[in-house]
Amino acid sequence: MKSEWIAKYEETVIKITTNWFSGEKLYVNNELQDEQINFITPSNLSGNLINKEGQKLDIKTNTSGFFTVSCRLFIDNKKVELKQTK
């Protein structure tokens, strides 16, 4: 089962994917920033982005679930809405 979520923050596109066979992955502007191969327990991914002011902001995600997977995204410790595309 594959799931995918996308968010846009300023000009940055963030994508989180989960797959039973290849694990969870975090992409920022199509560049892989973190990945975990994790089949049962909740997963945490992290990365960073540069905002319009040139500041480096931390990205944190967590996914959980088995048959129905949910995902949460935080940028600079603030929750950001995601759109599930798959």
Protein backbone atom coordinates (compact mmCIF):
# COMPACT_ATOMS: atom_id res chain seq x y z
CA MET A 1 0.00 0.00 0.00
CA LYS A 2 1.38 3.40 -1.00
CA SER A 3 0.36 6.77 0.47
CA GLU A 4 1.56 10.24 -0.46
CA TRP A 5 1.06 13.73 1.02
CA ILE A 6 2.13 17.09 -0.38
CA ALA A 7 2.38 20.56 1.16
CA LYS A 8 3.63 23.87 -0.21
CA TYR A 9 5.43 26.25 2.12
CA GLU A 10 6.25 29.57 0.46
CA GLU A 11 8.01 28.35 -2.72
CA THR A 12 9.02 24.97 -1.29
CA VAL A 13 7.21 21.72 -2.12
CA ILE A 14 7.32 19.04 0.59
CA LYS A 15 6.32 15.46 -0.19
CA ILE A 16 6.05 12.55 2.22
CA THR A 17 5.58 9.02 0.87
CA THR A 18 4.93 5.75 2.65
CA ASN A 19 5.13 2.29 1.13
CA TRP A 20 5.06 -1.13 2.76
CA PHE A 21 8.08 -2.22 0.72
CA SER A 22 10.27 0.89 0.52
CA GLY A 23 9.39 2.59 3.84
CA GLU A 24 8.80 6.30 4.46
CA LYS A 25 10.55 9.14 2.60
CA LEU A 26 10.68 12.92 2.97
CA TYR A 27 11.36 15.03 -0.14
CA VAL A 28 11.94 18.78 -0.25
CA ASN A 29 11.75 20.17 -3.79
CA ASN A 30 12.17 16.59 -5.10
CA GLU A 31 15.38 16.05 -3.10
CA LEU A 32 15.34 13.17 -0.62
CA GLN A 33 16.10 14.50 2.89
CA ASP A 34 15.26 11.52 5.10
CA GLU A 35 14.02 7.95 4.87
CA GLN A 36 13.19 5.04 7.14
CA ILE A 37 12.32 1.45 6.48
CA ASN A 38 9.67 0.85 9.08
CA PHE A 39 6.72 -1.51 8.74
CA ILE A 40 4.84 -1.48 12.03
CA THR A 41 5.84 1.29 14.44
CA PRO A 42 5.19 5.02 13.93
CA SER A 43 7.85 6.82 11.93
CA ASN A 44 9.52 10.21 12.38
CA LEU A 45 11.33 11.96 9.54
CA SER A 46 13.23 15.25 9.63
CA GLY A 47 14.78 17.71 7.22
CA ASN A 48 15.08 21.42 6.61
CA LEU A 49 14.29 24.16 4.15
CA ILE A 50 15.41 27.73 3.51
CA ASN A 51 12.59 30.29 3.73
CA LYS A 52 12.23 33.57 1.76
CA GLU A 53 14.34 35.43 4.36
CA GLY A 54 17.20 32.93 4.00
CA GLN A 55 16.57 31.27 7.37
CA LYS A 56 17.00 27.54 7.78
CA LEU A 57 13.80 26.00 9.19
CA ASP A 58 13.42 22.52 10.64
CA ILE A 59 10.91 20.08 9.16
CA LYS A 60 9.47 17.22 11.23
CA THR A 61 6.98 14.62 10.07
CA ASN A 62 5.41 11.62 11.67
CA THR A 63 3.32 8.88 10.16
CA SER A 64 1.31 6.23 11.91
CA GLY A 65 -1.15 3.51 11.10
CA PHE A 66 -1.16 0.23 9.27
CA PHE A 67 -4.22 -0.15 7.04
CA THR A 68 -5.02 3.56 7.13
CA VAL A 69 -1.93 5.74 7.39
CA SER A 70 -2.01 9.29 8.72
CA CYS A 71 0.72 11.91 8.44
CA ARG A 72 1.52 15.15 10.25
CA LEU A 73 3.97 17.87 9.17
CA PHE A 74 5.61 20.56 11.30
CA ILE A 75 7.79 23.39 10.01
CA ASP A 76 9.61 25.47 12.62
CA ASN A 77 7.45 23.68 15.26
CA LYS A 78 4.17 24.83 13.65
CA LYS A 79 1.72 22.35 12.14
CA VAL A 80 1.29 22.64 8.37
CA GLU A 81 -1.69 21.23 6.49
CA LEU A 82 -1.01 18.38 4.08
CA LYS A 83 -3.01 17.21 1.09
CA GLN A 84 -3.12 13.44 0.63
CA THR A 85 -2.70 12.64 -3.08
CA LYS A 86 -2.57 8.79 -2.89
